[in-house]
Amino acid sequence: MRLSRQYRVEGIPTLVLLESRSGRVITRAGCDMLTSDPEALHFPWRPRPVGDILTNTRLVDPQGQDIPSDAIMNSYKGLYFSAHWCPPCKAFTPQLVAAYDKFKKKESNFTMIFISSDRSEESWQTYHSNMPWPSLAWEEKEARGELATTLEVKGIPTLVILGPDNSIITTDGRSEFSEDPNLERFPWRPQSVQVLAPRHMARLQDTPCLILFTDGETTEVQFGRDVLLPVAEEYLLEHSQEGGLTLQFFVAGEDEVSDSVRDFACLEDVVPLVAILDAAQNAKYLLEEGVEVSTATVHNFVTRYTNDKLTPLTIRPLTPAATNTS
């Protein structure tokens, strides 16, 4: 279970390749790589850096004219994975177009790049003509697929924000934009501890999350932040380079989002309450009743979780219908 959780195994077969010395992930897409490269000519299928992919691909403006890639390499970039046939994309794209000037004012050296999943060149051209930013050229099919694999794009629309050095700032730009349409926090750098919000619900489905539930009072939310911040910063510093799945840290108040999470995980309506939820594994871990919530106790709780010293509780028992394979 620990390995499945750490490397985000959602089904089998899954082939994860690791560095032998550091244990860092080379790729989680080993099965796909083996299928596309059965002779293993490019083994161990080490992903190219995103900057290298972009540097060696052809970019065009909406009129089809070439754009030198070096003109945007040192800028903030938004990689917009989208397609004309996708209804959510067609709803989201006009919002991005309308806000493009805001992006440019916030970061003058910002450029959006369209990464198409269209099914024909004509559809791609029609869709791109509605955007004021460049696109990977239609013939760059391999590069589009490589970017999607490297950035682990699971669906569209997806907006990935890169820094000037092509480091990944966030792969959840769509949710960030929806929550912050005026771009007050752009470029949306990740925070070690976040206040649980509707946009985080999808993350709770595929990422282990530690949540400190509070009564929602400003002082209590701040207390939660103060308790979690040292633990989160130490944990993320130690584990963020491993390439596996890292624990996310949240403070929750008294609101509909908190109520939904409590209902989903069958958690008691008490505060403060500290829980680690791993929805992908149908597991939850609770800080023992009667233990004072402090940085020290939460640190110990996280350490035991990391070392598999906690006993998981089932979030929801499987029903007969769920287990019936006939």
C-alpha atoms as a PDB file:
ATOM      1  CA  MET A   1       0.000   0.000   0.000  1.00  0.00           C
ATOM      2  CA  ARG A   2       2.799   2.401   0.870  1.00  0.00           C
ATOM      3  CA  LEU A   3       4.439   2.079  -2.561  1.00  0.00           C
ATOM      4  CA  SER A   4       1.103   2.352  -4.358  1.00  0.00           C
ATOM      5  CA  ARG A   5       0.348   5.501  -2.401  1.00  0.00           C
ATOM      6  CA  GLN A   6       3.793   7.015  -2.869  1.00  0.00           C
ATOM      7  CA  TYR A   7       3.916   6.491  -6.621  1.00  0.00           C
ATOM      8  CA  ARG A   8       0.248   7.274  -7.359  1.00  0.00           C
ATOM      9  CA  VAL A   9      -0.608   3.823  -8.656  1.00  0.00           C
ATOM     10  CA  GLU A  10      -4.212   4.030  -9.826  1.00  0.00           C
ATOM     11  CA  GLY A  11      -4.403   0.706 -11.635  1.00  0.00           C
ATOM     12  CA  ILE A  12      -2.416  -2.250 -12.869  1.00  0.00           C
ATOM     13  CA  PRO A  13      -0.221  -2.911 -14.693  1.00  0.00           C
ATOM     14  CA  THR A  14       1.879   0.105 -13.701  1.00  0.00           C
ATOM     15  CA  LEU A  15       5.630   0.365 -14.275  1.00  0.00           C
ATOM     16  CA  VAL A  16       7.513   3.038 -12.305  1.00  0.00           C
ATOM     17  CA  LEU A  17      11.220   3.550 -13.012  1.00  0.00           C
ATOM     18  CA  LEU A  18      13.482   4.949 -10.280  1.00  0.00           C
ATOM     19  CA  GLU A  19      17.025   6.219 -10.003  1.00  0.00           C
ATOM     20  CA  SER A  20      18.998   3.414  -8.325  1.00  0.00           C
ATOM     21  CA  ARG A  21      20.921   5.651  -5.928  1.00  0.00           C
ATOM     22  CA  SER A  22      18.594   8.505  -5.095  1.00  0.00           C
ATOM     23  CA  GLY A  23      15.280   6.688  -5.452  1.00  0.00           C
ATOM     24  CA  ARG A  24      13.894   9.579  -7.473  1.00  0.00           C
ATOM     25  CA  VAL A  25      11.230   8.832 -10.040  1.00  0.00           C
ATOM     26  CA  ILE A  26      12.387   8.715 -13.652  1.00  0.00           C
ATOM     27  CA  THR A  27       8.932   8.038 -15.049  1.00  0.00           C
ATOM     28  CA  ARG A  28       5.588   6.697 -13.867  1.00  0.00           C
ATOM     29  CA  ALA A  29       4.585   6.007 -17.457  1.00  0.00           C
ATOM     30  CA  GLY A  30       6.788   2.950 -17.954  1.00  0.00           C
ATOM     31  CA  CYS A  31       4.003   0.852 -19.480  1.00  0.00           C
ATOM     32  CA  ASP A  32       3.185   3.516 -22.064  1.00  0.00           C
ATOM     33  CA  MET A  33       6.868   3.975 -22.833  1.00  0.00           C
ATOM     34  CA  LEU A  34       7.364   0.248 -23.326  1.00  0.00           C
ATOM     35  CA  THR A  35       4.387   0.124 -25.665  1.00  0.00           C
ATOM     36  CA  SER A  36       5.687   3.008 -27.774  1.00  0.00           C
ATOM     37  CA  ASP A  37       9.318   1.840 -27.610  1.00  0.00           C
ATOM     38  CA  PRO A  38       9.197  -2.001 -27.426  1.00  0.00           C
ATOM     39  CA  GLU A  39      12.874  -2.302 -28.377  1.00  0.00           C
ATOM     40  CA  ALA A  40      13.750  -0.030 -25.431  1.00  0.00           C
ATOM     41  CA  LEU A  41      15.911   2.091 -27.702  1.00  0.00           C
ATOM     42  CA  HIS A  42      15.390   5.114 -25.454  1.00  0.00           C
ATOM     43  CA  PHE A  43      15.423   3.250 -22.133  1.00  0.00           C
ATOM     44  CA  PRO A  44      15.254   4.284 -19.275  1.00  0.00           C
ATOM     45  CA  TRP A  45      12.850   6.738 -20.895  1.00  0.00           C
ATOM     46  CA  ARG A  46      14.075   9.726 -18.934  1.00  0.00           C
ATOM     47  CA  PRO A  47      11.746  12.657 -19.689  1.00  0.00           C
ATOM     48  CA  ARG A  48      13.313  15.622 -21.400  1.00  0.00           C
ATOM     49  CA  PRO A  49      13.104  18.874 -19.455  1.00  0.00           C
ATOM     50  CA  VAL A  50      10.094  20.917 -20.522  1.00  0.00           C
ATOM     51  CA  GLY A  51      12.372  23.750 -21.644  1.00  0.00           C
ATOM     52  CA  ASP A  52      14.248  21.413 -23.991  1.00  0.00           C
ATOM     53  CA  ILE A  53      10.996  20.228 -25.546  1.00  0.00           C
ATOM     54  CA  LEU A  54       9.787  23.779 -26.143  1.00  0.00           C
ATOM     55  CA  THR A  55      13.138  24.954 -27.487  1.00  0.00           C
ATOM     56  CA  ASN A  56      13.140  22.260 -30.142  1.00  0.00           C
ATOM     57  CA  THR A  57       9.562  22.664 -31.352  1.00  0.00           C
ATOM     58  CA  ARG A  58       7.983  24.984 -33.880  1.00  0.00           C
ATOM     59  CA  LEU A  59       5.738  27.714 -32.526  1.00  0.00           C
ATOM     60  CA  VAL A  60       3.265  29.643 -34.680  1.00  0.00           C
ATOM     61  CA  ASP A  61       1.014  32.632 -34.120  1.00  0.00           C
ATOM     62  CA  PRO A  62      -2.753  32.506 -34.874  1.00  0.00           C
ATOM     63  CA  GLN A  63      -2.004  33.481 -38.492  1.00  0.00           C
ATOM     64  CA  GLY A  64       0.379  30.540 -38.882  1.00  0.00           C
ATOM     65  CA  GLN A  65       3.567  32.622 -38.865  1.00  0.00           C
ATOM     66  CA  ASP A  66       6.617  31.197 -37.120  1.00  0.00           C
ATOM     67  CA  ILE A  67       7.603  32.576 -33.723  1.00  0.00           C
ATOM     68  CA  PRO A  68      11.223  32.110 -32.592  1.00  0.00           C
ATOM     69  CA  SER A  69      11.166  29.936 -29.487  1.00  0.00           C
ATOM     70  CA  ASP A  70      14.041  31.874 -27.941  1.00  0.00           C
ATOM     71  CA  ALA A  71      11.773  34.924 -27.838  1.00  0.00           C
ATOM     72  CA  ILE A  72       9.738  33.370 -25.027  1.00  0.00           C
ATOM     73  CA  MET A  73      12.160  30.982 -23.337  1.00  0.00           C
ATOM     74  CA  ASN A  74      13.038  33.377 -20.507  1.00  0.00           C
ATOM     75  CA  SER A  75       9.456  34.351 -19.774  1.00  0.00           C
ATOM     76  CA  TYR A  76       6.728  33.051 -17.527  1.00  0.00           C
ATOM     77  CA  LYS A  77       4.679  30.623 -19.592  1.00  0.00           C
ATOM     78  CA  GLY A  78       1.205  29.178 -19.455  1.00  0.00           C
ATOM     79  CA  LEU A  79       0.890  25.865 -21.287  1.00  0.00           C
ATOM     80  CA  TYR A  80      -2.771  25.588 -22.214  1.00  0.00           C
ATOM     81  CA  PHE A  81      -3.847  22.029 -23.040  1.00  0.00           C
ATOM     82  CA  SER A  82      -7.185  22.290 -24.788  1.00  0.00           C
ATOM     83  CA  ALA A  83      -9.244  21.242 -27.814  1.00  0.00           C
ATOM     84  CA  HIS A  84     -12.066  22.584 -29.966  1.00  0.00           C
ATOM     85  CA  TRP A  85     -14.229  19.476 -29.430  1.00  0.00           C
ATOM     86  CA  CYS A  86     -14.100  19.722 -25.606  1.00  0.00           C
ATOM     87  CA  PRO A  87     -17.136  21.558 -24.090  1.00  0.00           C
ATOM     88  CA  PRO A  88     -15.355  22.584 -20.841  1.00  0.00           C
ATOM     89  CA  CYS A  89     -12.495  23.924 -22.969  1.00  0.00           C
ATOM     90  CA  LYS A  90     -14.842  25.970 -25.128  1.00  0.00           C
ATOM     91  CA  ALA A  91     -16.277  27.495 -21.955  1.00  0.00           C
ATOM     92  CA  PHE A  92     -12.886  28.164 -20.335  1.00  0.00           C
ATOM     93  CA  THR A  93     -10.983  29.523 -23.348  1.00  0.00           C
ATOM     94  CA  PRO A  94     -12.985  32.794 -23.672  1.00  0.00           C
ATOM     95  CA  GLN A  95     -12.290  33.484 -19.990  1.00  0.00           C
ATOM     96  CA  LEU A  96      -8.544  33.117 -20.570  1.00  0.00           C
ATOM     97  CA  VAL A  97      -8.670  35.256 -23.710  1.00  0.00           C
ATOM     98  CA  ALA A  98     -10.549  38.015 -21.868  1.00  0.00           C
ATOM     99  CA  ALA A  99      -7.985  37.933 -19.052  1.00  0.00           C
ATOM    100  CA  TYR A 100      -4.870  37.779 -21.230  1.00  0.00           C
ATOM    101  CA  ASP A 101      -4.143  41.491 -20.860  1.00  0.00           C
ATOM    102  CA  LYS A 102      -4.345  41.058 -17.082  1.00  0.00           C
ATOM    103  CA  PHE A 103      -1.755  38.276 -17.279  1.00  0.00           C
ATOM    104  CA  LYS A 104       0.538  40.511 -19.328  1.00  0.00           C
ATOM    105  CA  LYS A 105       0.121  43.432 -16.929  1.00  0.00           C
ATOM    106  CA  LYS A 106       0.863  41.222 -13.949  1.00  0.00           C
ATOM    107  CA  GLU A 107       3.931  39.687 -15.601  1.00  0.00           C
ATOM    108  CA  SER A 108       4.999  41.662 -18.664  1.00  0.00           C
ATOM    109  CA  ASN A 109       7.100  38.757 -19.925  1.00  0.00           C
ATOM    110  CA  PHE A 110       4.243  36.237 -19.751  1.00  0.00           C
ATOM    111  CA  THR A 111       3.243  34.132 -22.764  1.00  0.00           C
ATOM    112  CA  MET A 112       0.487  31.566 -23.138  1.00  0.00           C
ATOM    113  CA  ILE A 113       1.134  28.599 -25.454  1.00  0.00           C
ATOM    114  CA  PHE A 114      -1.685  26.486 -26.869  1.00  0.00           C
ATOM    115  CA  ILE A 115      -1.042  22.710 -26.725  1.00  0.00           C
ATOM    116  CA  SER A 116      -3.746  21.219 -28.926  1.00  0.00           C
ATOM    117  CA  SER A 117      -5.642  17.961 -28.537  1.00  0.00           C
ATOM    118  CA  ASP A 118      -7.718  18.662 -31.639  1.00  0.00           C
ATOM    119  CA  ARG A 119      -8.531  15.832 -34.006  1.00  0.00           C
ATOM    120  CA  SER A 120      -7.828  17.628 -37.264  1.00  0.00           C
ATOM    121  CA  GLU A 121      -5.615  20.426 -38.502  1.00  0.00           C
ATOM    122  CA  GLU A 122      -8.670  22.402 -39.590  1.00  0.00           C
ATOM    123  CA  SER A 123     -10.184  22.243 -36.087  1.00  0.00           C
ATOM    124  CA  TRP A 124      -6.863  23.290 -34.579  1.00  0.00           C
ATOM    125  CA  GLN A 125      -6.561  26.285 -36.930  1.00  0.00           C
ATOM    126  CA  THR A 126     -10.146  27.392 -36.282  1.00  0.00           C
ATOM    127  CA  TYR A 127      -9.744  27.108 -32.528  1.00  0.00           C
ATOM    128  CA  HIS A 128      -6.326  28.774 -32.459  1.00  0.00           C
ATOM    129  CA  SER A 129      -7.627  31.723 -34.493  1.00  0.00           C
ATOM    130  CA  ASN A 130      -9.688  32.729 -31.438  1.00  0.00           C
ATOM    131  CA  MET A 131      -6.596  32.987 -29.228  1.00  0.00           C
ATOM    132  CA  PRO A 132      -4.093  35.875 -29.063  1.00  0.00           C
ATOM    133  CA  TRP A 133      -1.147  33.632 -28.157  1.00  0.00           C
ATOM    134  CA  PRO A 134       1.120  31.161 -29.993  1.00  0.00           C
ATOM    135  CA  SER A 135       0.595  27.442 -30.402  1.00  0.00           C
ATOM    136  CA  LEU A 136       2.758  24.425 -31.017  1.00  0.00           C
ATOM    137  CA  ALA A 137       2.547  23.830 -34.763  1.00  0.00           C
ATOM    138  CA  TRP A 138       0.152  21.126 -35.897  1.00  0.00           C
ATOM    139  CA  GLU A 139       2.935  18.792 -37.028  1.00  0.00           C
ATOM    140  CA  GLU A 140       4.426  18.788 -33.506  1.00  0.00           C
ATOM    141  CA  LYS A 141       2.282  15.816 -32.457  1.00  0.00           C
ATOM    142  CA  GLU A 142       5.142  14.017 -30.720  1.00  0.00           C
ATOM    143  CA  ALA A 143       6.081  17.111 -28.719  1.00  0.00           C
ATOM    144  CA  ARG A 144       2.468  17.635 -27.631  1.00  0.00           C
ATOM    145  CA  GLY A 145       2.287  14.066 -26.389  1.00  0.00           C
ATOM    146  CA  GLU A 146       5.657  14.345 -24.677  1.00  0.00           C
ATOM    147  CA  LEU A 147       4.609  17.497 -22.837  1.00  0.00           C
ATOM    148  CA  ALA A 148       1.362  15.894 -21.713  1.00  0.00           C
ATOM    149  CA  THR A 149       3.228  12.832 -20.419  1.00  0.00           C
ATOM    150  CA  THR A 150       5.996  14.798 -18.719  1.00  0.00           C
ATOM    151  CA  LEU A 151       3.519  17.127 -17.005  1.00  0.00           C
ATOM    152  CA  GLU A 152       1.122  14.248 -16.241  1.00  0.00           C
ATOM    153  CA  VAL A 153      -1.838  15.941 -17.898  1.00  0.00           C
ATOM    154  CA  LYS A 154      -4.845  13.724 -17.237  1.00  0.00           C
ATOM    155  CA  GLY A 155      -7.570  15.759 -18.895  1.00  0.00           C
ATOM    156  CA  ILE A 156      -8.449  19.028 -20.588  1.00  0.00           C
ATOM    157  CA  PRO A 157      -8.624  21.915 -20.154  1.00  0.00           C
ATOM    158  CA  THR A 158      -5.381  22.028 -18.179  1.00  0.00           C
ATOM    159  CA  LEU A 159      -3.302  25.139 -17.553  1.00  0.00           C
ATOM    160  CA  VAL A 160       0.303  24.635 -16.428  1.00  0.00           C
ATOM    161  CA  ILE A 161       2.284  27.673 -15.279  1.00  0.00           C
ATOM    162  CA  LEU A 162       6.065  27.637 -15.766  1.00  0.00           C
ATOM    163  CA  GLY A 163       8.644  30.046 -14.399  1.00  0.00           C
ATOM    164  CA  PRO A 164      11.246  31.838 -16.556  1.00  0.00           C
ATOM    165  CA  ASP A 165      13.595  28.903 -15.895  1.00  0.00           C
ATOM    166  CA  ASN A 166      10.850  26.490 -17.065  1.00  0.00           C
ATOM    167  CA  SER A 167      10.343  25.132 -13.563  1.00  0.00           C
ATOM    168  CA  ILE A 168       6.783  24.032 -12.831  1.00  0.00           C
ATOM    169  CA  ILE A 169       4.969  26.520 -10.605  1.00  0.00           C
ATOM    170  CA  THR A 170       1.568  24.836 -10.774  1.00  0.00           C
ATOM    171  CA  THR A 171      -0.210  22.250 -12.899  1.00  0.00           C
ATOM    172  CA  ASP A 172      -3.562  23.430 -11.544  1.00  0.00           C
ATOM    173  CA  GLY A 173      -3.731  26.819 -13.218  1.00  0.00           C
ATOM    174  CA  ARG A 174      -7.334  26.278 -14.259  1.00  0.00           C
ATOM    175  CA  SER A 175      -8.551  26.040 -10.656  1.00  0.00           C
ATOM    176  CA  GLU A 176      -6.223  28.818  -9.558  1.00  0.00           C
ATOM    177  CA  PHE A 177      -7.607  31.133 -12.242  1.00  0.00           C
ATOM    178  CA  SER A 178     -11.202  30.232 -11.406  1.00  0.00           C
ATOM    179  CA  GLU A 179     -10.575  31.110  -7.748  1.00  0.00           C
ATOM    180  CA  ASP A 180      -8.382  34.154  -8.483  1.00  0.00           C
ATOM    181  CA  PRO A 181      -9.720  35.696 -11.739  1.00  0.00           C
ATOM    182  CA  ASN A 182      -8.121  39.060 -10.941  1.00  0.00           C
ATOM    183  CA  LEU A 183      -4.717  37.358 -10.692  1.00  0.00           C
ATOM    184  CA  GLU A 184      -3.941  38.855  -7.297  1.00  0.00           C
ATOM    185  CA  ARG A 185      -1.804  35.811  -6.391  1.00  0.00           C
ATOM    186  CA  PHE A 186      -0.456  35.095  -9.889  1.00  0.00           C
ATOM    187  CA  PRO A 187       1.760  33.202 -10.764  1.00  0.00           C
ATOM    188  CA  TRP A 188       0.123  31.080  -8.059  1.00  0.00           C
ATOM    189  CA  ARG A 189       3.187  29.700  -6.357  1.00  0.00           C
ATOM    190  CA  PRO A 190       2.298  26.750  -4.110  1.00  0.00           C
ATOM    191  CA  GLN A 191       1.905  27.359  -0.395  1.00  0.00           C
ATOM    192  CA  SER A 192       3.095  24.871   2.200  1.00  0.00           C
ATOM    193  CA  VAL A 193      -0.198  25.161   4.097  1.00  0.00           C
ATOM    194  CA  GLN A 194      -3.452  26.158   2.426  1.00  0.00           C
ATOM    195  CA  VAL A 195      -6.967  26.878   3.631  1.00  0.00           C
ATOM    196  CA  LEU A 196      -9.218  24.145   2.262  1.00  0.00           C
ATOM    197  CA  ALA A 197     -11.351  25.463  -0.611  1.00  0.00           C
ATOM    198  CA  PRO A 198     -13.610  23.996  -3.327  1.00  0.00           C
ATOM    199  CA  ARG A 199     -10.752  23.931  -5.850  1.00  0.00           C
ATOM    200  CA  HIS A 200      -8.872  21.474  -3.637  1.00  0.00           C
ATOM    201  CA  MET A 201     -11.550  18.777  -3.800  1.00  0.00           C
ATOM    202  CA  ALA A 202     -10.059  17.142  -6.879  1.00  0.00           C
ATOM    203  CA  ARG A 203      -6.656  17.029  -5.190  1.00  0.00           C
ATOM    204  CA  LEU A 204      -8.171  15.210  -2.223  1.00  0.00           C
ATOM    205  CA  GLN A 205      -9.231  12.453  -4.593  1.00  0.00           C
ATOM    206  CA  ASP A 206      -5.737  11.549  -5.783  1.00  0.00           C
ATOM    207  CA  THR A 207      -3.307  12.967  -3.206  1.00  0.00           C
ATOM    208  CA  PRO A 208      -2.866  12.123   0.492  1.00  0.00           C
ATOM    209  CA  CYS A 209      -3.828  15.204   2.495  1.00  0.00           C
ATOM    210  CA  LEU A 210      -3.419  16.193   6.133  1.00  0.00           C
ATOM    211  CA  ILE A 211      -6.276  18.399   7.282  1.00  0.00           C
ATOM    212  CA  LEU A 212      -6.532  20.258  10.572  1.00  0.00           C
ATOM    213  CA  PHE A 213     -10.223  20.991  11.100  1.00  0.00           C
ATOM    214  CA  THR A 214     -11.046  24.155  13.090  1.00  0.00           C
ATOM    215  CA  ASP A 215     -14.205  26.049  14.016  1.00  0.00           C
ATOM    216  CA  GLY A 216     -13.471  28.580  11.267  1.00  0.00           C
ATOM    217  CA  GLU A 217     -12.755  31.539  13.536  1.00  0.00           C
ATOM    218  CA  THR A 218      -9.937  33.693  12.190  1.00  0.00           C
ATOM    219  CA  THR A 219      -7.799  33.072  15.263  1.00  0.00           C
ATOM    220  CA  GLU A 220      -8.312  29.310  15.028  1.00  0.00           C
ATOM    221  CA  VAL A 221      -7.478  29.182  11.321  1.00  0.00           C
ATOM    222  CA  GLN A 222      -4.305  31.136  12.073  1.00  0.00           C
ATOM    223  CA  PHE A 223      -3.574  28.728  14.931  1.00  0.00           C
ATOM    224  CA  GLY A 224      -3.908  25.866  12.455  1.00  0.00           C
ATOM    225  CA  ARG A 225      -1.503  27.533  10.044  1.00  0.00           C
ATOM    226  CA  ASP A 226       1.012  28.159  12.820  1.00  0.00           C
ATOM    227  CA  VAL A 227       0.840  24.536  13.958  1.00  0.00           C
ATOM    228  CA  LEU A 228       1.182  23.018  10.495  1.00  0.00           C
ATOM    229  CA  LEU A 229       3.657  25.363   8.823  1.00  0.00           C
ATOM    230  CA  PRO A 230       6.892  24.070  10.433  1.00  0.00           C
ATOM    231  CA  VAL A 231       5.807  20.466   9.875  1.00  0.00           C
ATOM    232  CA  ALA A 232       4.787  21.083   6.270  1.00  0.00           C
ATOM    233  CA  GLU A 233       7.943  22.979   5.359  1.00  0.00           C
ATOM    234  CA  GLU A 234      10.206  20.292   6.843  1.00  0.00           C
ATOM    235  CA  TYR A 235       8.225  17.475   5.215  1.00  0.00           C
ATOM    236  CA  LEU A 236       8.099  19.081   1.772  1.00  0.00           C
ATOM    237  CA  LEU A 237      11.801  19.948   1.899  1.00  0.00           C
ATOM    238  CA  GLU A 238      12.656  16.316   2.640  1.00  0.00           C
ATOM    239  CA  HIS A 239      10.250  14.681   0.204  1.00  0.00           C
ATOM    240  CA  SER A 240       9.581  17.059  -2.701  1.00  0.00           C
ATOM    241  CA  GLN A 241      12.635  15.907  -4.671  1.00  0.00           C
ATOM    242  CA  GLU A 242      11.754  12.220  -4.493  1.00  0.00           C
ATOM    243  CA  GLY A 243       9.331  12.454  -7.391  1.00  0.00           C
ATOM    244  CA  GLY A 244       6.731  10.392  -5.579  1.00  0.00           C
ATOM    245  CA  LEU A 245       3.468  11.472  -4.016  1.00  0.00           C
ATOM    246  CA  THR A 246       3.910  14.041  -1.247  1.00  0.00           C
ATOM    247  CA  LEU A 247       1.511  14.835   1.553  1.00  0.00           C
ATOM    248  CA  GLN A 248      -0.457  18.071   1.192  1.00  0.00           C
ATOM    249  CA  PHE A 249      -1.336  20.221   4.215  1.00  0.00           C
ATOM    250  CA  PHE A 250      -4.624  22.073   4.788  1.00  0.00           C
ATOM    251  CA  VAL A 251      -6.486  23.990   7.463  1.00  0.00           C
ATOM    252  CA  ALA A 252     -10.275  23.665   7.263  1.00  0.00           C
ATOM    253  CA  GLY A 253     -12.933  25.923   8.742  1.00  0.00           C
ATOM    254  CA  GLU A 254     -16.656  25.455   9.341  1.00  0.00           C
ATOM    255  CA  ASP A 255     -18.116  25.610   5.837  1.00  0.00           C
ATOM    256  CA  GLU A 256     -19.659  23.475   3.114  1.00  0.00           C
ATOM    257  CA  VAL A 257     -16.292  22.207   1.899  1.00  0.00           C
ATOM    258  CA  SER A 258     -15.321  21.077   5.381  1.00  0.00           C
ATOM    259  CA  ASP A 259     -18.732  19.471   5.886  1.00  0.00           C
ATOM    260  CA  SER A 260     -18.442  17.609   2.575  1.00  0.00           C
ATOM    261  CA  VAL A 261     -15.017  16.240   3.484  1.00  0.00           C
ATOM    262  CA  ARG A 262     -16.221  15.185   6.933  1.00  0.00           C
ATOM    263  CA  ASP A 263     -19.239  13.438   5.401  1.00  0.00           C
ATOM    264  CA  PHE A 264     -17.119  11.704   2.771  1.00  0.00           C
ATOM    265  CA  ALA A 265     -14.560  10.457   5.302  1.00  0.00           C
ATOM    266  CA  CYS A 266     -17.087   9.756   8.084  1.00  0.00           C
ATOM    267  CA  LEU A 267     -15.299  12.097  10.499  1.00  0.00           C
ATOM    268  CA  GLU A 268     -16.796  13.272  13.784  1.00  0.00           C
ATOM    269  CA  ASP A 269     -17.917  16.879  14.022  1.00  0.00           C
ATOM    270  CA  VAL A 270     -15.326  17.893  16.613  1.00  0.00           C
ATOM    271  CA  VAL A 271     -12.566  20.514  16.611  1.00  0.00           C
ATOM    272  CA  PRO A 272      -9.681  20.600  16.540  1.00  0.00           C
ATOM    273  CA  LEU A 273      -9.363  17.382  14.558  1.00  0.00           C
ATOM    274  CA  VAL A 274      -6.292  16.235  12.643  1.00  0.00           C
ATOM    275  CA  ALA A 275      -6.721  13.621   9.920  1.00  0.00           C
ATOM    276  CA  ILE A 276      -4.756  12.290   6.984  1.00  0.00           C
ATOM    277  CA  LEU A 277      -7.055  11.263   4.141  1.00  0.00           C
ATOM    278  CA  ASP A 278      -5.891   9.027   1.314  1.00  0.00           C
ATOM    279  CA  ALA A 279      -8.991   8.695  -0.829  1.00  0.00           C
ATOM    280  CA  ALA A 280      -7.179   6.769  -3.563  1.00  0.00           C
ATOM    281  CA  GLN A 281      -6.460   4.029  -1.008  1.00  0.00           C
ATOM    282  CA  ASN A 282      -9.828   4.420   0.771  1.00  0.00           C
ATOM    283  CA  ALA A 283      -7.865   5.063   3.974  1.00  0.00           C
ATOM    284  CA  LYS A 284      -7.835   7.609   6.777  1.00  0.00           C
ATOM    285  CA  TYR A 285      -5.530   8.154   9.737  1.00  0.00           C
ATOM    286  CA  LEU A 286      -6.590  10.103  12.832  1.00  0.00           C
ATOM    287  CA  LEU A 287      -4.530  11.848  15.481  1.00  0.00           C
ATOM    288  CA  GLU A 288      -5.477  10.018  18.647  1.00  0.00           C
ATOM    289  CA  GLU A 289      -8.311  11.392  20.767  1.00  0.00           C
ATOM    290  CA  GLY A 290      -7.076  13.314  23.777  1.00  0.00           C
ATOM    291  CA  VAL A 291      -3.739  14.270  22.216  1.00  0.00           C
ATOM    292  CA  GLU A 292      -3.146  18.016  22.305  1.00  0.00           C
ATOM    293  CA  VAL A 293      -2.857  19.504  18.828  1.00  0.00           C
ATOM    294  CA  SER A 294       0.555  21.135  18.565  1.00  0.00           C
ATOM    295  CA  THR A 295       3.445  21.318  16.141  1.00  0.00           C
ATOM    296  CA  ALA A 296       5.219  18.574  18.094  1.00  0.00           C
ATOM    297  CA  THR A 297       2.282  16.150  18.104  1.00  0.00           C
ATOM    298  CA  VAL A 298       1.486  16.760  14.439  1.00  0.00           C
ATOM    299  CA  HIS A 299       5.166  16.287  13.548  1.00  0.00           C
ATOM    300  CA  ASN A 300       5.144  12.940  15.364  1.00  0.00           C
ATOM    301  CA  PHE A 301       1.895  11.994  13.619  1.00  0.00           C
ATOM    302  CA  VAL A 302       3.342  12.746  10.175  1.00  0.00           C
ATOM    303  CA  THR A 303       6.563  10.882  10.973  1.00  0.00           C
ATOM    304  CA  ARG A 304       4.604   7.779  11.965  1.00  0.00           C
ATOM    305  CA  TYR A 305       2.523   8.056   8.809  1.00  0.00           C
ATOM    306  CA  THR A 306       5.614   8.399   6.626  1.00  0.00           C
ATOM    307  CA  ASN A 307       7.196   5.347   8.264  1.00  0.00           C
ATOM    308  CA  ASP A 308       4.021   3.237   7.999  1.00  0.00           C
ATOM    309  CA  LYS A 309       3.595   3.149  11.767  1.00  0.00           C
ATOM    310  CA  LEU A 310      -0.064   4.182  11.710  1.00  0.00           C
ATOM    311  CA  THR A 311      -2.978   1.801  11.311  1.00  0.00           C
ATOM    312  CA  PRO A 312      -5.274   2.914   8.486  1.00  0.00           C
ATOM    313  CA  LEU A 313      -9.019   3.081   8.965  1.00  0.00           C
ATOM    314  CA  THR A 314     -11.341   2.473   6.046  1.00  0.00           C
ATOM    315  CA  ILE A 315     -12.996   5.656   4.831  1.00  0.00           C
ATOM    316  CA  ARG A 316     -16.054   3.820   3.584  1.00  0.00           C
ATOM    317  CA  PRO A 317     -16.642   0.057   3.728  1.00  0.00           C
ATOM    318  CA  LEU A 318     -17.093  -1.474   0.293  1.00  0.00           C
ATOM    319  CA  THR A 319     -20.719  -2.397  -0.343  1.00  0.00           C
ATOM    320  CA  PRO A 320     -21.736  -5.728  -1.915  1.00  0.00           C
ATOM    321  CA  ALA A 321     -22.658  -3.813  -5.070  1.00  0.00           C
ATOM    322  CA  ALA A 322     -19.175  -2.334  -5.243  1.00  0.00           C
ATOM    323  CA  THR A 323     -17.535  -5.734  -4.957  1.00  0.00           C
ATOM    324  CA  ASN A 324     -19.905  -7.601  -7.277  1.00  0.00           C
ATOM    325  CA  THR A 325     -18.035  -8.529 -10.451  1.00  0.00           C
ATOM    326  CA  SER A 326     -20.672 -10.784 -11.948  1.00  0.00           C
END
